[in-house]
Each structure stands twice: as C-alpha cells, then as structure tokens.
C-alpha cells in the first residue's frame, strides 16, 4: 500500500479502541459488537465440514477481529496482515493464537493459495481508489480454489454512517466505496457468485428488532454492507 513508509494507523494504534468507541457512541454498542457481527456473518456463509480453515484478516489492525473468528472457527489457522507495525505489535501481544505479518511492499506476505477465507473489514476505504484493484487481486492470489472473500464496508448511502465517518479521527483519509465499486472490483478480479447484503440496521435501543436484519439485507439502509465471492474450484 502507498502508506507503507508512514503507516496511517501507526498514529492511532495505541488509542484505536478509545477512538472507535467514541465514533460509534450513537449506536449504543462497544466495538466488540461489530467485530462479533462480522464474524457471525462469515460463519453463516462458510459451509460446514470444510475442515481446518486458514483464515486471513486483511488490514487486521490491532487484531480485534481475531478472537471472534477463533471462537466461531475452532482450530482455524488465523493470520492477520497490516501495514501498521505499531498495530501489529499490539495484536501479537493480545492474540498469541494468531500469526501476524506486516505488508511491506505491493504484495501480501503470503504464498499463493495459502488461505481458505479472507476478510477485509472496513479496510478498503483507507486504500487509495487507484490501488484497490491491485489489493483485491492480491487477495484473489492468496486464496485457494474454492476460497471465499468477504469485504465489509461502510454504506455511503446511509447519512448516519456518513456523519460517523466524518467525525472519526482515524477515518480522516477515508474515501467510501459505493456497493457497485466493491462488487465491480471483486468481479474484475475473477471472483464468482459475487453477492451483497446490507447489514447493521438497528442501534442498541432497537435491539429487539435485530432478528429482522437478515430479512432486510436487500435494503440499502444498513450502516454497512458485505460483499462476498468465491474463487473458482479446480
């Protein structure tokens, strides 16, 4: 990534949790809620009986998603990659069950076909638009045949999301991706069966309505969306 010589999130690694908590205060939730939400989504989409999975967290930051993936995929081999060395130091200390590697050039520090599932949780809006296709292609390279990619992004059609991003200190470089851009990136990289769900509709005060969210996945009103696709099986 272009920021690898001066990683943006090195500035925020030590205070990331506090900044994230402040930015989502209106939701009534803690950051863990959103990490768990995404892990639950991935768990629902990954077929049972796939054996010991190799799961990649692209742009893992301080590793907040790792324990949630570990809980939902017991025995999985978990790897996090990021450009922020300071964030990775915190991740290694907090989550010794996972492996963490720094992205230092224009390629992921992983071999071809070395992951079964890759997750990019609110990462691509920090990547300059002209570099996004390259990183989608890199995720495609490291996924094995039949592998699945999940890209979670903020929904720019949601006005509350727009306000939250504008006010968030570590989102000062954010350029939000419309759903069509993310879908196009994945299809352009050769992913098959690309599909989209809108997610995160109700704040905590309306938590009783959350069981309805799966039935609202078509409605472009969620705070975020999830795009998923698969590498062709050989």
C-alpha atoms as a PDB file:
ATOM      1  CA  UNK A   1       0.000   0.000   0.000  1.00  0.00           C
ATOM      2  CA  UNK A   2       1.204   3.504  -0.669  1.00  0.00           C
ATOM      3  CA  UNK A   3       1.317   4.409   3.045  1.00  0.00           C
ATOM      4  CA  UNK A   4       3.686   1.607   3.976  1.00  0.00           C
ATOM      5  CA  UNK A   5       6.601   4.023   4.647  1.00  0.00           C
ATOM      6  CA  UNK A   6       4.471   6.129   7.040  1.00  0.00           C
ATOM      7  CA  UNK A   7       1.533   3.947   8.001  1.00  0.00           C
ATOM      8  CA  UNK A   8      -1.577   5.949   8.780  1.00  0.00           C
ATOM      9  CA  UNK A   9      -2.639   3.731  11.677  1.00  0.00           C
ATOM     10  CA  UNK A  10       0.714   3.883  13.470  1.00  0.00           C
ATOM     11  CA  UNK A  11      -0.598   7.251  14.704  1.00  0.00           C
ATOM     12  CA  UNK A  12      -3.693   5.664  16.210  1.00  0.00           C
ATOM     13  CA  UNK A  13      -2.671   2.152  17.289  1.00  0.00           C
ATOM     14  CA  UNK A  14      -2.386   2.888  20.997  1.00  0.00           C
ATOM     15  CA  UNK A  15      -5.689   4.741  21.186  1.00  0.00           C
ATOM     16  CA  UNK A  16      -7.628   2.901  18.484  1.00  0.00           C
ATOM     17  CA  UNK A  17     -10.140   1.275  20.820  1.00  0.00           C
ATOM     18  CA  UNK A  18     -10.979   4.561  22.539  1.00  0.00           C
ATOM     19  CA  UNK A  19     -11.362   6.394  19.230  1.00  0.00           C
ATOM     20  CA  UNK A  20     -13.517   3.620  17.803  1.00  0.00           C
ATOM     21  CA  UNK A  21     -15.691   3.582  20.922  1.00  0.00           C
ATOM     22  CA  UNK A  22     -16.214   7.339  20.687  1.00  0.00           C
ATOM     23  CA  UNK A  23     -17.076   7.172  16.987  1.00  0.00           C
ATOM     24  CA  UNK A  24     -19.833   4.575  17.470  1.00  0.00           C
ATOM     25  CA  UNK A  25     -21.288   6.028  20.668  1.00  0.00           C
ATOM     26  CA  UNK A  26     -24.627   6.752  18.970  1.00  0.00           C
ATOM     27  CA  UNK A  27     -25.095   3.028  18.297  1.00  0.00           C
ATOM     28  CA  UNK A  28     -25.067   2.259  21.999  1.00  0.00           C
ATOM     29  CA  UNK A  29     -22.625  -0.590  21.359  1.00  0.00           C
ATOM     30  CA  UNK A  30     -18.998  -1.372  22.085  1.00  0.00           C
ATOM     31  CA  UNK A  31     -16.507  -2.097  19.267  1.00  0.00           C
ATOM     32  CA  UNK A  32     -16.690  -5.810  20.116  1.00  0.00           C
ATOM     33  CA  UNK A  33     -20.301  -5.907  18.935  1.00  0.00           C
ATOM     34  CA  UNK A  34     -19.323  -5.011  15.380  1.00  0.00           C
ATOM     35  CA  UNK A  35     -16.376  -7.424  15.284  1.00  0.00           C
ATOM     36  CA  UNK A  36     -18.653 -10.209  16.520  1.00  0.00           C
ATOM     37  CA  UNK A  37     -21.339  -9.241  13.991  1.00  0.00           C
ATOM     38  CA  UNK A  38     -18.920  -9.688  11.109  1.00  0.00           C
ATOM     39  CA  UNK A  39     -17.578 -12.975  12.474  1.00  0.00           C
ATOM     40  CA  UNK A  40     -21.142 -14.275  12.802  1.00  0.00           C
ATOM     41  CA  UNK A  41     -21.842 -13.249   9.207  1.00  0.00           C
ATOM     42  CA  UNK A  42     -18.774 -15.096   7.921  1.00  0.00           C
ATOM     43  CA  UNK A  43     -19.664 -18.160   9.992  1.00  0.00           C
ATOM     44  CA  UNK A  44     -23.136 -18.295   8.406  1.00  0.00           C
ATOM     45  CA  UNK A  45     -21.694 -18.088   4.900  1.00  0.00           C
ATOM     46  CA  UNK A  46     -18.899 -20.645   5.222  1.00  0.00           C
ATOM     47  CA  UNK A  47     -20.127 -24.204   4.602  1.00  0.00           C
ATOM     48  CA  UNK A  48     -19.848 -26.689   7.438  1.00  0.00           C
ATOM     49  CA  UNK A  49     -17.496 -29.624   7.110  1.00  0.00           C
ATOM     50  CA  UNK A  50     -14.711 -27.693   5.381  1.00  0.00           C
ATOM     51  CA  UNK A  51     -12.043 -28.930   7.780  1.00  0.00           C
ATOM     52  CA  UNK A  52      -9.345 -26.813   9.440  1.00  0.00           C
ATOM     53  CA  UNK A  53      -9.615 -23.448   7.768  1.00  0.00           C
ATOM     54  CA  UNK A  54      -6.859 -20.975   7.053  1.00  0.00           C
ATOM     55  CA  UNK A  55      -8.383 -17.559   7.709  1.00  0.00           C
ATOM     56  CA  UNK A  56      -6.759 -14.273   6.683  1.00  0.00           C
ATOM     57  CA  UNK A  57      -7.664 -10.938   8.277  1.00  0.00           C
ATOM     58  CA  UNK A  58      -6.546  -8.327   5.744  1.00  0.00           C
ATOM     59  CA  UNK A  59      -5.923  -4.971   7.410  1.00  0.00           C
ATOM     60  CA  UNK A  60      -6.248  -6.573  10.835  1.00  0.00           C
ATOM     61  CA  UNK A  61      -5.071  -3.523  12.779  1.00  0.00           C
ATOM     62  CA  UNK A  62      -4.662  -4.355  16.475  1.00  0.00           C
ATOM     63  CA  UNK A  63      -6.380  -7.704  15.919  1.00  0.00           C
ATOM     64  CA  UNK A  64      -9.829  -7.047  17.354  1.00  0.00           C
ATOM     65  CA  UNK A  65     -11.458  -9.435  14.880  1.00  0.00           C
ATOM     66  CA  UNK A  66      -9.164 -12.366  15.679  1.00  0.00           C
ATOM     67  CA  UNK A  67     -10.769 -13.694  18.901  1.00  0.00           C
ATOM     68  CA  UNK A  68     -14.221 -13.612  17.334  1.00  0.00           C
ATOM     69  CA  UNK A  69     -13.056 -15.619  14.332  1.00  0.00           C
ATOM     70  CA  UNK A  70     -11.251 -18.032  16.644  1.00  0.00           C
ATOM     71  CA  UNK A  71     -14.418 -18.588  18.666  1.00  0.00           C
ATOM     72  CA  UNK A  72     -16.532 -19.315  15.581  1.00  0.00           C
ATOM     73  CA  UNK A  73     -13.941 -21.427  13.756  1.00  0.00           C
ATOM     74  CA  UNK A  74     -12.289 -23.602  16.435  1.00  0.00           C
ATOM     75  CA  UNK A  75      -8.913 -24.881  15.327  1.00  0.00           C
ATOM     76  CA  UNK A  76      -8.627 -22.442  12.424  1.00  0.00           C
ATOM     77  CA  UNK A  77      -5.211 -21.165  11.396  1.00  0.00           C
ATOM     78  CA  UNK A  78      -5.527 -17.390  11.839  1.00  0.00           C
ATOM     79  CA  UNK A  79      -3.295 -14.850  10.111  1.00  0.00           C
ATOM     80  CA  UNK A  80      -3.508 -11.072  10.270  1.00  0.00           C
ATOM     81  CA  UNK A  81      -1.717  -8.695   7.915  1.00  0.00           C
ATOM     82  CA  UNK A  82      -1.412  -4.919   8.042  1.00  0.00           C
ATOM     83  CA  UNK A  83       0.875  -2.060   7.047  1.00  0.00           C
ATOM     84  CA  UNK A  84       0.965  -0.649  10.582  1.00  0.00           C
ATOM     85  CA  UNK A  85       3.854  -2.103  12.542  1.00  0.00           C
ATOM     86  CA  UNK A  86       2.677  -0.471  15.777  1.00  0.00           C
ATOM     87  CA  UNK A  87      -0.766  -2.043  15.388  1.00  0.00           C
ATOM     88  CA  UNK A  88       0.768  -5.457  14.723  1.00  0.00           C
ATOM     89  CA  UNK A  89       2.897  -5.265  17.870  1.00  0.00           C
ATOM     90  CA  UNK A  90      -0.267  -4.773  19.923  1.00  0.00           C
ATOM     91  CA  UNK A  91      -2.031  -7.550  18.017  1.00  0.00           C
ATOM     92  CA  UNK A  92       0.778 -10.052  18.667  1.00  0.00           C
ATOM     93  CA  UNK A  93       0.777  -9.267  22.379  1.00  0.00           C
ATOM     94  CA  UNK A  94      -3.005  -9.566  22.709  1.00  0.00           C
ATOM     95  CA  UNK A  95      -3.630 -12.550  20.428  1.00  0.00           C
ATOM     96  CA  UNK A  96      -0.788 -15.097  20.581  1.00  0.00           C
ATOM     97  CA  UNK A  97      -3.028 -17.738  18.980  1.00  0.00           C
ATOM     98  CA  UNK A  98      -2.660 -15.981  15.606  1.00  0.00           C
ATOM     99  CA  UNK A  99       0.199 -15.154  13.254  1.00  0.00           C
ATOM    100  CA  UNK A 100       0.704 -11.535  12.221  1.00  0.00           C
ATOM    101  CA  UNK A 101       2.732 -10.282   9.265  1.00  0.00           C
ATOM    102  CA  UNK A 102       3.490  -6.782   8.031  1.00  0.00           C
ATOM    103  CA  UNK A 103       2.749  -5.719   4.463  1.00  0.00           C
ATOM    104  CA  UNK A 104       5.971  -4.083   3.302  1.00  0.00           C
ATOM    105  CA  UNK A 105       5.594  -3.894  -0.465  1.00  0.00           C
ATOM    106  CA  UNK A 106       2.943  -4.280  -3.130  1.00  0.00           C
ATOM    107  CA  UNK A 107       2.260  -7.939  -2.332  1.00  0.00           C
ATOM    108  CA  UNK A 108       0.767  -9.735   0.618  1.00  0.00           C
ATOM    109  CA  UNK A 109       3.407 -11.628   2.644  1.00  0.00           C
ATOM    110  CA  UNK A 110       1.711 -14.941   1.888  1.00  0.00           C
ATOM    111  CA  UNK A 111       2.128 -17.691  -0.673  1.00  0.00           C
ATOM    112  CA  UNK A 112      -0.308 -18.361  -3.492  1.00  0.00           C
ATOM    113  CA  UNK A 113      -3.409 -20.344  -2.470  1.00  0.00           C
ATOM    114  CA  UNK A 114      -2.451 -20.229   1.206  1.00  0.00           C
ATOM    115  CA  UNK A 115      -5.811 -19.131   2.661  1.00  0.00           C
ATOM    116  CA  UNK A 116      -9.326 -20.551   2.543  1.00  0.00           C
ATOM    117  CA  UNK A 117     -11.189 -17.469   3.807  1.00  0.00           C
ATOM    118  CA  UNK A 118     -10.136 -13.822   3.642  1.00  0.00           C
ATOM    119  CA  UNK A 119     -11.866 -10.980   5.441  1.00  0.00           C
ATOM    120  CA  UNK A 120     -11.380  -7.244   4.846  1.00  0.00           C
ATOM    121  CA  UNK A 121     -13.404  -5.431   7.498  1.00  0.00           C
ATOM    122  CA  UNK A 122     -13.723  -1.724   6.734  1.00  0.00           C
ATOM    123  CA  UNK A 123     -10.263  -1.596   5.152  1.00  0.00           C
ATOM    124  CA  UNK A 124     -10.743  -0.610   1.519  1.00  0.00           C
ATOM    125  CA  UNK A 125     -12.000   2.905   2.250  1.00  0.00           C
ATOM    126  CA  UNK A 126      -8.486   3.575   3.616  1.00  0.00           C
ATOM    127  CA  UNK A 127      -6.842   2.377   0.371  1.00  0.00           C
ATOM    128  CA  UNK A 128      -6.473   4.968  -2.415  1.00  0.00           C
ATOM    129  CA  UNK A 129      -9.011   4.213  -5.166  1.00  0.00           C
ATOM    130  CA  UNK A 130      -6.365   3.558  -7.829  1.00  0.00           C
ATOM    131  CA  UNK A 131      -4.755   0.859  -5.639  1.00  0.00           C
ATOM    132  CA  UNK A 132      -7.905  -1.047  -4.698  1.00  0.00           C
ATOM    133  CA  UNK A 133      -7.995  -3.374  -7.703  1.00  0.00           C
ATOM    134  CA  UNK A 134      -4.410  -4.440  -7.017  1.00  0.00           C
ATOM    135  CA  UNK A 135      -5.224  -5.456  -3.438  1.00  0.00           C
ATOM    136  CA  UNK A 136      -8.370  -7.322  -4.429  1.00  0.00           C
ATOM    137  CA  UNK A 137      -6.209  -9.186  -6.941  1.00  0.00           C
ATOM    138  CA  UNK A 138      -3.694  -9.962  -4.196  1.00  0.00           C
ATOM    139  CA  UNK A 139      -6.466 -11.394  -2.038  1.00  0.00           C
ATOM    140  CA  UNK A 140      -7.529 -13.480  -5.004  1.00  0.00           C
ATOM    141  CA  UNK A 141      -3.931 -14.710  -5.400  1.00  0.00           C
ATOM    142  CA  UNK A 142      -3.594 -15.943  -1.829  1.00  0.00           C
ATOM    143  CA  UNK A 143      -6.977 -17.679  -1.733  1.00  0.00           C
ATOM    144  CA  UNK A 144      -7.073 -21.366  -2.591  1.00  0.00           C
ATOM    145  CA  UNK A 145      -9.518 -22.767  -5.169  1.00  0.00           C
ATOM    146  CA  UNK A 146     -12.971 -22.547  -3.628  1.00  0.00           C
ATOM    147  CA  UNK A 147     -11.773 -19.868  -1.206  1.00  0.00           C
ATOM    148  CA  UNK A 148     -14.110 -17.117  -0.041  1.00  0.00           C
ATOM    149  CA  UNK A 149     -13.535 -13.373   0.254  1.00  0.00           C
ATOM    150  CA  UNK A 150     -15.656 -11.142   2.479  1.00  0.00           C
ATOM    151  CA  UNK A 151     -15.386  -7.366   2.128  1.00  0.00           C
ATOM    152  CA  UNK A 152     -17.238  -5.292   4.717  1.00  0.00           C
ATOM    153  CA  UNK A 153     -17.584  -1.583   4.031  1.00  0.00           C
ATOM    154  CA  UNK A 154     -19.436   1.483   5.276  1.00  0.00           C
ATOM    155  CA  UNK A 155     -22.579   2.250   3.297  1.00  0.00           C
ATOM    156  CA  UNK A 156     -22.224   5.742   1.786  1.00  0.00           C
ATOM    157  CA  UNK A 157     -25.997   5.869   1.207  1.00  0.00           C
ATOM    158  CA  UNK A 158     -26.602   5.912   4.957  1.00  0.00           C
ATOM    159  CA  UNK A 159     -26.485   9.513   6.291  1.00  0.00           C
ATOM    160  CA  UNK A 160     -25.686   8.399   9.844  1.00  0.00           C
ATOM    161  CA  UNK A 161     -22.706   6.446   8.548  1.00  0.00           C
ATOM    162  CA  UNK A 162     -21.538   9.494   6.627  1.00  0.00           C
ATOM    163  CA  UNK A 163     -21.635  11.595   9.810  1.00  0.00           C
ATOM    164  CA  UNK A 164     -19.851   8.946  11.876  1.00  0.00           C
ATOM    165  CA  UNK A 165     -17.041   8.618   9.331  1.00  0.00           C
ATOM    166  CA  UNK A 166     -16.660  12.385   9.004  1.00  0.00           C
ATOM    167  CA  UNK A 167     -16.296  12.748  12.775  1.00  0.00           C
ATOM    168  CA  UNK A 168     -13.946   9.783  13.313  1.00  0.00           C
ATOM    169  CA  UNK A 169     -10.314  10.788  13.816  1.00  0.00           C
ATOM    170  CA  UNK A 170      -8.780   7.696  12.214  1.00  0.00           C
ATOM    171  CA  UNK A 171     -11.101   7.964   9.201  1.00  0.00           C
ATOM    172  CA  UNK A 172      -9.520  11.245   8.135  1.00  0.00           C
ATOM    173  CA  UNK A 173      -8.240   9.551   4.969  1.00  0.00           C
ATOM    174  CA  UNK A 174     -11.466   7.634   4.229  1.00  0.00           C
ATOM    175  CA  UNK A 175     -12.959   7.565   0.735  1.00  0.00           C
ATOM    176  CA  UNK A 176     -16.089   5.448   0.967  1.00  0.00           C
ATOM    177  CA  UNK A 177     -16.838   2.811  -1.667  1.00  0.00           C
ATOM    178  CA  UNK A 178     -20.293   2.556  -3.197  1.00  0.00           C
ATOM    179  CA  UNK A 179     -21.565  -1.000  -3.289  1.00  0.00           C
ATOM    180  CA  UNK A 180     -21.219  -1.075  -7.082  1.00  0.00           C
ATOM    181  CA  UNK A 181     -17.497  -0.288  -6.847  1.00  0.00           C
ATOM    182  CA  UNK A 182     -16.802  -3.129  -4.421  1.00  0.00           C
ATOM    183  CA  UNK A 183     -18.836  -5.577  -6.485  1.00  0.00           C
ATOM    184  CA  UNK A 184     -17.016  -4.452  -9.628  1.00  0.00           C
ATOM    185  CA  UNK A 185     -13.612  -4.886  -8.004  1.00  0.00           C
ATOM    186  CA  UNK A 186     -14.389  -8.438  -6.984  1.00  0.00           C
ATOM    187  CA  UNK A 187     -15.873  -9.433 -10.307  1.00  0.00           C
ATOM    188  CA  UNK A 188     -12.968  -7.794 -12.109  1.00  0.00           C
ATOM    189  CA  UNK A 189     -10.543  -9.917 -10.090  1.00  0.00           C
ATOM    190  CA  UNK A 190     -12.330 -13.076 -11.173  1.00  0.00           C
ATOM    191  CA  UNK A 191     -14.433 -13.891  -8.127  1.00  0.00           C
ATOM    192  CA  UNK A 192     -17.554 -15.905  -8.833  1.00  0.00           C
ATOM    193  CA  UNK A 193     -21.009 -15.712  -7.276  1.00  0.00           C
ATOM    194  CA  UNK A 194     -20.433 -12.173  -6.028  1.00  0.00           C
ATOM    195  CA  UNK A 195     -23.340 -11.066  -3.850  1.00  0.00           C
ATOM    196  CA  UNK A 196     -24.171  -8.242  -1.429  1.00  0.00           C
ATOM    197  CA  UNK A 197     -26.022  -7.900   1.855  1.00  0.00           C
ATOM    198  CA  UNK A 198     -26.718  -4.674   3.702  1.00  0.00           C
ATOM    199  CA  UNK A 199     -26.050  -5.085   7.420  1.00  0.00           C
ATOM    200  CA  UNK A 200     -26.185  -3.252  10.780  1.00  0.00           C
ATOM    201  CA  UNK A 201     -29.607  -1.616  10.733  1.00  0.00           C
ATOM    202  CA  UNK A 202     -30.623  -1.096  14.351  1.00  0.00           C
ATOM    203  CA  UNK A 203     -28.874   0.626  17.304  1.00  0.00           C
ATOM    204  CA  UNK A 204     -28.914  -0.942  20.723  1.00  0.00           C
ATOM    205  CA  UNK A 205     -32.117   0.878  21.761  1.00  0.00           C
ATOM    206  CA  UNK A 206     -33.865  -1.046  18.974  1.00  0.00           C
ATOM    207  CA  UNK A 207     -32.069  -4.339  19.612  1.00  0.00           C
ATOM    208  CA  UNK A 208     -35.380  -6.194  19.778  1.00  0.00           C
ATOM    209  CA  UNK A 209     -35.678  -5.609  16.011  1.00  0.00           C
ATOM    210  CA  UNK A 210     -32.292  -7.082  15.136  1.00  0.00           C
ATOM    211  CA  UNK A 211     -33.634 -10.542  14.277  1.00  0.00           C
ATOM    212  CA  UNK A 212     -35.242  -8.825  11.274  1.00  0.00           C
ATOM    213  CA  UNK A 213     -31.918  -7.699   9.830  1.00  0.00           C
ATOM    214  CA  UNK A 214     -31.329 -10.809   7.719  1.00  0.00           C
ATOM    215  CA  UNK A 215     -34.664 -10.144   6.017  1.00  0.00           C
ATOM    216  CA  UNK A 216     -33.626  -6.546   5.262  1.00  0.00           C
ATOM    217  CA  UNK A 217     -30.336  -7.444   3.572  1.00  0.00           C
ATOM    218  CA  UNK A 218     -31.680  -6.161   0.230  1.00  0.00           C
ATOM    219  CA  UNK A 219     -32.468  -2.706   1.638  1.00  0.00           C
ATOM    220  CA  UNK A 220     -29.689  -0.094   1.104  1.00  0.00           C
ATOM    221  CA  UNK A 221     -30.323   1.484   4.503  1.00  0.00           C
ATOM    222  CA  UNK A 222     -27.907  -0.528   6.635  1.00  0.00           C
ATOM    223  CA  UNK A 223     -24.945   1.257   8.156  1.00  0.00           C
ATOM    224  CA  UNK A 224     -22.619  -1.137   6.323  1.00  0.00           C
ATOM    225  CA  UNK A 225     -22.694  -3.737   3.578  1.00  0.00           C
ATOM    226  CA  UNK A 226     -20.957  -7.054   2.987  1.00  0.00           C
ATOM    227  CA  UNK A 227     -19.803  -8.289  -0.413  1.00  0.00           C
ATOM    228  CA  UNK A 228     -18.726 -11.894  -0.750  1.00  0.00           C
ATOM    229  CA  UNK A 229     -17.447 -14.008  -3.609  1.00  0.00           C
ATOM    230  CA  UNK A 230     -15.608 -17.236  -4.289  1.00  0.00           C
ATOM    231  CA  UNK A 231     -12.536 -18.364  -6.167  1.00  0.00           C
ATOM    232  CA  UNK A 232     -13.414 -20.958  -8.802  1.00  0.00           C
ATOM    233  CA  UNK A 233     -12.790 -24.545  -7.745  1.00  0.00           C
ATOM    234  CA  UNK A 234     -10.442 -26.502  -9.984  1.00  0.00           C
END
